[in-house]
N, C-alpha and C. Protein backbone atom coordinates (compact mmCIF):
# COMPACT_ATOMS: atom_id res chain seq x y z
N MET A 1 4.65 149.54 -44.69
CA MET A 1 4.83 148.41 -45.48
C MET A 1 6.34 148.16 -45.47
N ALA A 2 7.13 149.32 -45.49
CA ALA A 2 8.75 149.19 -45.56
C ALA A 2 9.14 148.53 -44.39
N LYS A 3 8.40 148.95 -43.14
CA LYS A 3 8.89 148.46 -41.95
C LYS A 3 8.50 146.95 -41.69
N ALA A 4 7.49 146.51 -42.46
CA ALA A 4 7.16 145.01 -42.53
C ALA A 4 8.43 144.16 -43.19
N LYS A 5 8.53 144.75 -44.34
CA LYS A 5 9.55 143.99 -45.34
C LYS A 5 10.91 143.99 -44.53
N THR A 6 11.38 145.07 -43.75
CA THR A 6 12.71 145.17 -43.08
C THR A 6 12.54 143.99 -41.85
N ALA A 7 11.48 143.90 -41.35
CA ALA A 7 11.34 142.95 -40.23
C ALA A 7 11.35 141.63 -40.87
N ILE A 8 10.73 141.42 -41.87
CA ILE A 8 10.93 139.93 -42.58
C ILE A 8 12.40 139.62 -42.82
N VAL A 9 13.01 140.55 -43.46
CA VAL A 9 14.48 140.27 -43.78
C VAL A 9 15.17 140.10 -42.73
N ILE A 10 15.12 140.74 -41.52
CA ILE A 10 15.75 140.57 -40.38
C ILE A 10 15.56 139.20 -39.69
N ALA A 11 14.22 139.02 -39.86
CA ALA A 11 13.92 137.46 -39.29
C ALA A 11 14.57 136.36 -40.20
N ILE A 12 14.48 136.45 -41.60
CA ILE A 12 15.01 135.65 -42.29
C ILE A 12 16.75 135.51 -42.17
N LEU A 13 17.39 136.74 -42.05
CA LEU A 13 18.93 136.57 -41.67
C LEU A 13 19.03 135.97 -40.33
N ALA A 14 18.26 136.23 -39.35
CA ALA A 14 18.41 135.44 -37.98
C ALA A 14 18.43 134.14 -38.19
N LEU A 15 17.38 133.56 -38.87
CA LEU A 15 17.21 132.17 -39.03
C LEU A 15 18.44 131.65 -39.69
N LEU A 16 18.92 132.22 -40.75
CA LEU A 16 19.96 131.67 -41.55
C LEU A 16 21.37 131.76 -40.66
N GLN A 17 21.37 132.65 -39.57
CA GLN A 17 22.50 132.63 -38.70
C GLN A 17 22.57 131.41 -37.69
N VAL A 18 21.37 131.24 -37.27
CA VAL A 18 21.07 130.24 -36.34
C VAL A 18 21.43 128.77 -37.06
N SER A 19 20.79 128.75 -38.22
CA SER A 19 21.02 127.57 -39.22
C SER A 19 22.57 127.19 -39.18
N TRP A 20 23.31 128.19 -39.64
CA TRP A 20 24.65 128.05 -39.95
C TRP A 20 25.40 127.68 -38.63
N ALA A 21 25.00 128.35 -37.49
CA ALA A 21 25.84 128.06 -36.31
C ALA A 21 25.54 126.67 -35.89
N THR A 22 24.39 126.20 -35.99
CA THR A 22 24.22 124.90 -35.70
C THR A 22 24.72 123.65 -36.54
N ALA A 23 24.97 124.11 -37.76
CA ALA A 23 25.70 123.15 -38.72
C ALA A 23 26.98 122.78 -38.40
N GLY A 24 27.67 123.59 -37.48
CA GLY A 24 29.06 123.32 -37.08
C GLY A 24 30.12 123.10 -38.19
N ASP A 25 30.78 122.15 -37.95
CA ASP A 25 31.80 121.99 -39.01
C ASP A 25 31.53 120.46 -39.92
N ARG A 26 30.19 120.24 -40.01
CA ARG A 26 29.75 119.04 -40.67
C ARG A 26 29.72 119.44 -42.00
N SER A 27 30.13 118.47 -42.99
CA SER A 27 30.20 118.48 -44.34
C SER A 27 29.93 117.32 -45.03
N GLY A 28 28.41 117.07 -45.23
CA GLY A 28 27.89 116.21 -46.06
C GLY A 28 28.27 114.68 -45.41
N GLY A 29 28.07 114.80 -44.08
CA GLY A 29 28.29 113.55 -43.34
C GLY A 29 29.75 113.21 -42.84
N ILE A 30 30.70 113.95 -43.78
CA ILE A 30 32.06 113.77 -43.40
C ILE A 30 32.45 114.76 -42.36
N MET A 31 32.92 114.54 -41.33
CA MET A 31 33.29 115.46 -40.27
C MET A 31 34.81 115.87 -40.34
N LEU A 32 34.84 117.29 -40.15
CA LEU A 32 36.16 117.69 -40.32
C LEU A 32 36.74 118.09 -38.95
N PRO A 33 37.98 117.97 -38.97
CA PRO A 33 38.72 118.38 -37.52
C PRO A 33 38.67 120.04 -37.28
N VAL A 34 38.69 120.25 -36.00
CA VAL A 34 38.88 121.49 -35.71
C VAL A 34 40.12 121.71 -34.95
N ALA A 35 40.97 122.42 -35.42
CA ALA A 35 42.36 122.55 -34.95
C ALA A 35 42.39 123.52 -33.75
N GLY A 36 43.64 123.75 -32.90
CA GLY A 36 43.54 124.63 -32.03
C GLY A 36 42.84 124.76 -30.68
N GLY A 37 42.21 123.46 -30.45
CA GLY A 37 41.48 123.38 -29.11
C GLY A 37 40.34 124.51 -29.03
N ARG A 38 39.72 124.71 -30.15
CA ARG A 38 38.61 125.71 -29.98
C ARG A 38 37.37 124.99 -29.62
N SER A 39 36.54 125.71 -29.20
CA SER A 39 35.34 124.97 -28.38
C SER A 39 34.61 124.48 -29.63
N GLY A 40 33.62 123.60 -29.42
CA GLY A 40 32.94 122.87 -30.34
C GLY A 40 33.49 121.59 -30.64
N GLY A 41 34.09 121.60 -31.84
CA GLY A 41 34.89 120.30 -32.15
C GLY A 41 34.30 119.55 -33.30
N SER A 42 34.98 118.34 -33.71
CA SER A 42 34.47 117.58 -34.57
C SER A 42 33.46 116.43 -33.98
N PHE A 43 32.42 116.25 -34.54
CA PHE A 43 31.57 115.08 -34.41
C PHE A 43 32.19 113.81 -34.73
N ALA A 44 32.09 112.82 -33.79
CA ALA A 44 32.70 111.49 -33.98
C ALA A 44 31.88 110.32 -33.36
N VAL A 45 32.11 109.21 -33.92
CA VAL A 45 31.66 108.08 -33.23
C VAL A 45 32.86 107.34 -32.55
N MET A 46 32.81 107.38 -30.97
CA MET A 46 33.79 106.62 -30.29
C MET A 46 33.55 105.18 -30.15
N THR A 47 34.44 104.53 -30.55
CA THR A 47 34.52 103.14 -30.20
C THR A 47 35.57 102.57 -29.30
N VAL A 48 35.53 101.42 -28.57
CA VAL A 48 36.50 101.17 -27.73
C VAL A 48 37.58 100.08 -28.58
N ASN A 49 38.88 100.29 -28.23
CA ASN A 49 39.91 99.54 -28.79
C ASN A 49 40.70 99.15 -27.39
N ARG A 50 41.40 98.04 -27.65
CA ARG A 50 42.36 97.65 -26.62
C ARG A 50 43.75 97.70 -27.38
N PHE A 51 44.71 98.28 -26.75
CA PHE A 51 45.99 98.55 -27.29
C PHE A 51 47.07 97.58 -26.88
N GLN A 52 46.77 96.73 -26.05
CA GLN A 52 47.96 95.80 -25.43
C GLN A 52 48.15 94.64 -26.46
N LYS A 53 49.28 94.02 -26.30
CA LYS A 53 49.55 93.08 -27.37
C LYS A 53 48.68 92.02 -27.03
N GLY A 54 48.15 91.28 -28.22
CA GLY A 54 47.52 90.02 -28.25
C GLY A 54 45.84 90.54 -28.04
N GLU A 55 45.47 91.83 -27.95
CA GLU A 55 44.20 92.04 -27.73
C GLU A 55 43.72 92.32 -29.31
N ASP A 56 42.16 92.83 -29.26
CA ASP A 56 41.60 92.90 -30.43
C ASP A 56 41.98 93.99 -31.18
N GLY A 57 43.00 95.02 -30.62
CA GLY A 57 43.50 96.32 -31.35
C GLY A 57 44.40 96.14 -32.84
N GLY A 58 44.78 94.68 -32.81
CA GLY A 58 45.69 94.61 -33.92
C GLY A 58 47.31 94.65 -33.48
N GLY A 59 47.77 95.34 -34.54
CA GLY A 59 49.29 95.26 -34.14
C GLY A 59 49.77 96.57 -33.32
N ALA A 60 51.00 96.60 -33.28
CA ALA A 60 51.53 97.78 -32.57
C ALA A 60 50.98 99.29 -33.13
N ALA A 61 50.95 100.23 -32.21
CA ALA A 61 50.47 101.47 -32.47
C ALA A 61 51.29 102.00 -33.66
N ALA A 62 50.76 102.82 -34.77
CA ALA A 62 51.33 103.33 -35.83
C ALA A 62 52.29 104.30 -35.51
N CYS A 63 52.16 105.28 -34.30
CA CYS A 63 52.91 106.39 -34.02
C CYS A 63 54.27 105.89 -33.51
N ASP A 64 54.35 104.82 -32.77
CA ASP A 64 55.54 104.64 -32.18
C ASP A 64 56.02 103.04 -32.34
N GLY A 65 55.15 102.11 -32.81
CA GLY A 65 55.38 100.94 -33.01
C GLY A 65 55.37 100.08 -31.65
N ARG A 66 54.87 100.60 -30.72
CA ARG A 66 54.60 100.01 -29.35
C ARG A 66 53.12 99.47 -29.28
N PHE A 67 52.96 98.55 -28.13
CA PHE A 67 51.68 98.41 -27.72
C PHE A 67 51.64 99.28 -26.30
N HIS A 68 50.40 99.67 -25.89
CA HIS A 68 49.99 100.35 -24.92
C HIS A 68 49.15 99.84 -23.82
N SER A 69 49.19 100.24 -22.73
CA SER A 69 48.13 99.79 -21.68
C SER A 69 46.74 100.26 -21.85
N ASP A 70 45.76 99.43 -21.52
CA ASP A 70 44.52 99.68 -21.60
C ASP A 70 44.19 100.90 -20.51
N ASP A 71 45.03 100.94 -19.57
CA ASP A 71 44.84 102.06 -18.72
C ASP A 71 45.22 103.43 -18.95
N ASP A 72 46.08 103.53 -20.31
CA ASP A 72 46.50 104.67 -20.78
C ASP A 72 45.34 105.47 -21.35
N LEU A 73 45.39 106.84 -21.43
CA LEU A 73 44.35 107.44 -22.14
C LEU A 73 44.88 107.95 -23.27
N ILE A 74 44.49 106.92 -24.39
CA ILE A 74 44.97 107.03 -25.79
C ILE A 74 44.00 106.56 -26.59
N VAL A 75 44.33 107.19 -27.97
CA VAL A 75 43.17 107.05 -28.88
C VAL A 75 43.90 106.67 -30.35
N ALA A 76 43.15 106.04 -31.27
CA ALA A 76 43.35 105.83 -32.78
C ALA A 76 42.36 106.86 -33.52
N LEU A 77 42.85 107.64 -34.43
CA LEU A 77 42.01 108.56 -35.20
C LEU A 77 41.79 107.77 -36.72
N SER A 78 40.60 108.03 -37.29
CA SER A 78 40.57 107.73 -38.60
C SER A 78 41.42 108.46 -39.50
N SER A 79 41.81 107.77 -40.75
CA SER A 79 43.06 108.15 -41.51
C SER A 79 42.96 109.63 -41.70
N GLY A 80 41.83 110.49 -42.18
CA GLY A 80 41.85 111.65 -42.45
C GLY A 80 42.29 112.65 -41.20
N TRP A 81 41.79 112.23 -40.05
CA TRP A 81 42.05 112.91 -38.92
C TRP A 81 43.53 112.60 -38.23
N TYR A 82 43.95 111.38 -38.60
CA TYR A 82 45.23 111.15 -38.22
C TYR A 82 46.24 111.78 -39.00
N ALA A 83 45.95 112.14 -40.26
CA ALA A 83 46.56 113.15 -41.23
C ALA A 83 48.05 112.78 -41.39
N GLY A 84 48.22 111.35 -41.80
CA GLY A 84 49.45 110.92 -42.06
C GLY A 84 50.61 110.80 -40.75
N GLY A 85 49.92 111.06 -39.72
CA GLY A 85 50.78 110.97 -38.43
C GLY A 85 51.09 112.32 -37.83
N LYS A 86 50.55 113.21 -38.42
CA LYS A 86 50.86 114.84 -37.92
C LYS A 86 50.21 114.87 -36.50
N ARG A 87 49.29 113.88 -36.12
CA ARG A 87 48.70 114.11 -34.67
C ARG A 87 49.41 113.21 -33.82
N CYS A 88 50.42 112.48 -34.26
CA CYS A 88 51.00 111.48 -33.29
C CYS A 88 51.61 112.05 -32.12
N HIS A 89 51.15 111.56 -30.96
CA HIS A 89 51.60 111.97 -29.56
C HIS A 89 51.17 113.31 -29.18
N LYS A 90 50.04 113.86 -30.04
CA LYS A 90 49.53 115.16 -29.54
C LYS A 90 48.18 114.68 -28.71
N LYS A 91 47.87 115.78 -27.95
CA LYS A 91 46.53 115.53 -27.10
C LYS A 91 45.42 115.89 -27.85
N ILE A 92 44.40 115.24 -27.48
CA ILE A 92 43.16 115.85 -28.24
C ILE A 92 41.99 115.62 -26.69
N ARG A 93 41.14 116.68 -26.91
CA ARG A 93 40.18 116.73 -26.02
C ARG A 93 38.76 116.20 -26.55
N ILE A 94 38.14 115.24 -25.79
CA ILE A 94 37.14 114.60 -26.20
C ILE A 94 35.85 114.80 -25.10
N THR A 95 34.73 115.09 -25.63
CA THR A 95 33.71 115.36 -24.70
C THR A 95 32.55 114.27 -25.20
N SER A 96 31.96 113.66 -24.21
CA SER A 96 30.80 112.78 -24.41
C SER A 96 29.50 113.51 -24.58
N ALA A 97 28.65 113.00 -25.63
CA ALA A 97 27.36 113.71 -25.82
C ALA A 97 26.55 113.22 -24.65
N ASP A 98 26.67 111.82 -24.17
CA ASP A 98 26.04 111.23 -23.27
C ASP A 98 26.17 111.89 -21.85
N THR A 99 27.15 112.05 -21.29
CA THR A 99 27.67 112.43 -19.98
C THR A 99 28.06 113.83 -19.73
N GLY A 100 28.30 114.64 -21.09
CA GLY A 100 28.95 115.86 -20.85
C GLY A 100 30.36 115.98 -20.21
N ARG A 101 30.99 114.78 -19.80
CA ARG A 101 32.23 114.85 -19.23
C ARG A 101 33.35 115.12 -20.45
N THR A 102 34.45 115.69 -20.03
CA THR A 102 35.48 115.81 -21.17
C THR A 102 36.73 115.11 -20.49
N VAL A 103 37.59 114.53 -21.51
CA VAL A 103 38.96 114.10 -21.06
C VAL A 103 40.01 114.30 -22.23
N GLU A 104 41.11 114.28 -21.83
CA GLU A 104 42.21 114.80 -22.84
C GLU A 104 43.08 113.34 -22.94
N ALA A 105 43.28 112.97 -24.21
CA ALA A 105 43.74 111.83 -24.58
C ALA A 105 44.94 111.94 -25.68
N THR A 106 46.04 111.01 -25.65
CA THR A 106 46.90 111.10 -26.78
C THR A 106 46.75 110.39 -27.80
N VAL A 107 46.98 110.77 -29.00
CA VAL A 107 46.88 109.99 -30.23
C VAL A 107 48.13 109.13 -30.41
N VAL A 108 48.00 107.76 -30.60
CA VAL A 108 48.94 107.06 -30.63
C VAL A 108 48.89 106.01 -31.90
N ASP A 109 47.71 106.02 -32.69
CA ASP A 109 47.55 105.19 -33.64
C ASP A 109 46.44 105.52 -34.71
N GLU A 110 46.42 105.02 -35.82
CA GLU A 110 45.59 105.39 -36.90
C GLU A 110 44.56 104.23 -36.88
N CYS A 111 43.42 104.71 -37.16
CA CYS A 111 42.23 103.68 -37.53
C CYS A 111 42.13 103.83 -38.98
N ASP A 112 42.72 102.73 -39.73
CA ASP A 112 43.00 103.01 -41.20
C ASP A 112 41.64 102.75 -41.91
N SER A 113 41.30 103.85 -42.64
CA SER A 113 40.14 104.11 -43.49
C SER A 113 40.13 103.20 -44.75
N SER A 114 41.31 102.98 -45.28
CA SER A 114 41.42 102.21 -46.32
C SER A 114 41.23 100.64 -46.13
N HIS A 115 41.08 100.15 -44.93
CA HIS A 115 40.97 98.81 -44.29
C HIS A 115 39.76 98.84 -43.53
N GLY A 116 38.53 99.47 -43.78
CA GLY A 116 37.21 99.32 -43.04
C GLY A 116 36.79 100.44 -41.99
N CYS A 117 37.82 101.09 -41.59
CA CYS A 117 37.46 102.24 -40.64
C CYS A 117 36.62 103.47 -41.05
N LYS A 118 35.70 103.74 -40.75
CA LYS A 118 35.02 104.74 -41.15
C LYS A 118 35.68 106.04 -41.07
N ASN A 119 35.17 107.14 -41.67
CA ASN A 119 35.85 108.45 -41.55
C ASN A 119 35.52 109.14 -40.51
N ASN A 120 34.75 108.79 -39.58
CA ASN A 120 34.40 109.52 -38.37
C ASN A 120 34.55 108.85 -37.13
N ILE A 121 35.74 108.04 -37.22
CA ILE A 121 35.82 107.06 -35.82
C ILE A 121 37.09 107.56 -35.07
N LEU A 122 36.68 107.59 -33.64
CA LEU A 122 37.55 107.86 -32.58
C LEU A 122 37.67 106.57 -31.81
N ASP A 123 38.86 105.84 -31.92
CA ASP A 123 39.05 104.51 -31.55
C ASP A 123 39.81 104.63 -30.22
N SER A 124 39.08 104.40 -28.99
CA SER A 124 39.89 104.91 -27.64
C SER A 124 40.10 103.78 -26.83
N SER A 125 40.82 103.86 -25.89
CA SER A 125 41.09 102.78 -24.61
C SER A 125 40.20 102.82 -23.73
N PRO A 126 39.93 101.59 -23.03
CA PRO A 126 38.90 101.57 -21.93
C PRO A 126 39.13 102.75 -21.01
N ALA A 127 40.36 103.29 -20.61
CA ALA A 127 40.63 104.14 -19.77
C ALA A 127 39.77 105.52 -20.07
N VAL A 128 39.67 105.88 -21.49
CA VAL A 128 39.09 107.10 -21.93
C VAL A 128 37.62 106.86 -21.75
N TRP A 129 36.90 105.65 -21.84
CA TRP A 129 35.64 105.29 -21.60
C TRP A 129 35.43 105.50 -20.16
N LYS A 130 36.03 104.99 -19.42
CA LYS A 130 36.13 105.22 -17.84
C LYS A 130 35.89 106.60 -17.24
N LYS A 131 37.02 107.46 -17.85
CA LYS A 131 36.97 108.78 -17.65
C LYS A 131 35.83 109.68 -17.91
N LEU A 132 35.27 109.20 -19.03
CA LEU A 132 34.07 109.72 -19.56
C LEU A 132 32.84 109.39 -18.85
N GLY A 133 32.74 108.35 -18.06
CA GLY A 133 31.75 107.85 -17.27
C GLY A 133 30.85 107.14 -18.16
N LEU A 134 31.54 106.13 -19.18
CA LEU A 134 30.75 105.33 -20.13
C LEU A 134 31.22 103.93 -19.93
N HIS A 135 30.29 102.90 -20.29
CA HIS A 135 30.63 101.43 -20.15
C HIS A 135 31.24 101.16 -21.59
N THR A 136 32.06 100.37 -21.64
CA THR A 136 32.69 100.03 -22.85
C THR A 136 31.64 98.74 -23.56
N ASP A 137 30.82 98.08 -22.93
CA ASP A 137 29.91 97.25 -23.31
C ASP A 137 28.82 97.91 -24.55
N VAL A 138 28.83 99.12 -24.24
CA VAL A 138 27.79 99.98 -25.34
C VAL A 138 28.33 99.89 -26.67
N GLY A 139 29.69 99.93 -26.81
CA GLY A 139 30.27 99.68 -28.26
C GLY A 139 30.61 101.00 -28.97
N GLU A 140 29.62 101.84 -29.17
CA GLU A 140 29.73 102.99 -29.69
C GLU A 140 28.95 104.05 -29.10
N VAL A 141 29.58 105.27 -29.09
CA VAL A 141 28.90 106.56 -28.51
C VAL A 141 29.22 107.83 -29.28
N HIS A 142 28.43 108.78 -29.25
CA HIS A 142 28.78 110.04 -29.95
C HIS A 142 29.44 110.94 -29.24
N VAL A 143 30.47 111.58 -29.62
CA VAL A 143 31.43 112.47 -28.96
C VAL A 143 31.86 113.59 -29.93
N THR A 144 32.34 114.65 -29.12
CA THR A 144 33.08 115.70 -30.06
C THR A 144 34.36 115.76 -29.61
N TRP A 145 35.43 116.12 -30.56
CA TRP A 145 36.77 116.25 -30.16
C TRP A 145 37.29 117.47 -30.84
N SER A 146 38.43 117.77 -30.17
CA SER A 146 39.27 118.86 -30.86
C SER A 146 40.62 118.75 -30.43
N ASP A 147 41.67 119.25 -30.97
CA ASP A 147 43.17 119.34 -30.52
C ASP A 147 43.11 120.04 -29.18
N ALA A 148 43.69 119.70 -28.19
CA ALA A 148 43.84 120.13 -26.97
C ALA A 148 44.91 121.23 -27.05
């Protein structure tokens, strides 16, 4: 009888461990960043943005007040991830859930959450989409990202 109880406790602990491992860093639908380039990363919805003057990306990039080429590997992060500019000009690693490909891109802008940008958005240039083997006409894809 004692062996059966021990086996049940071990099985429950194993299930809890698997459950916690698969939960990752998700917290009530709000995704939290993983710093230091660790494997895994934060879950995000990647959208396409155009950073050239006169395109749909709006004004100049928040990090440097400049417009950037759509051929540059660049991103804008939701306000929480942007962290008041602490990630400006830093590289992040993005992995596509669809293709499994990974690319490094530079943070140049904020996707302002107080003006309609959701908390889990990674707004990226067409060049990022191309490197990940994705078509921009899809509009939104699921990715993970981490500091590079």
